[in-house]
């Protein structure tokens, strides 16, 4: 589990590199815009499958269910995976005919 030990007893562990993916997460009570961090060789789905009970979301903006009224804004929120209805990468958002996202 531990990669290296220093002479003074410090323990060094392997750093896991991840890339941020901007997402929209729908729950029964809210719509969350934020970032999920995914390993470079994985897909967003792989990160969701790896997660046990909670999914870490950074730079989160939590809106009401319709996504219109901002309720909270925070640097980190842990989202209960059991309450996630769907997750959408923001890069996949398309504008509708009215010009809204």
Foldseek 3Di string as FASTA:
>chain_A
DFDDADPVGDTHHDDQDWDWFWKWWAFPWWIKTFTFTHHPVDDPVVQLVPDDFWGKTAQIFIGTRVRDHTDDTHGIDTHGSVGTPDMGGPVPDDADPVRHD
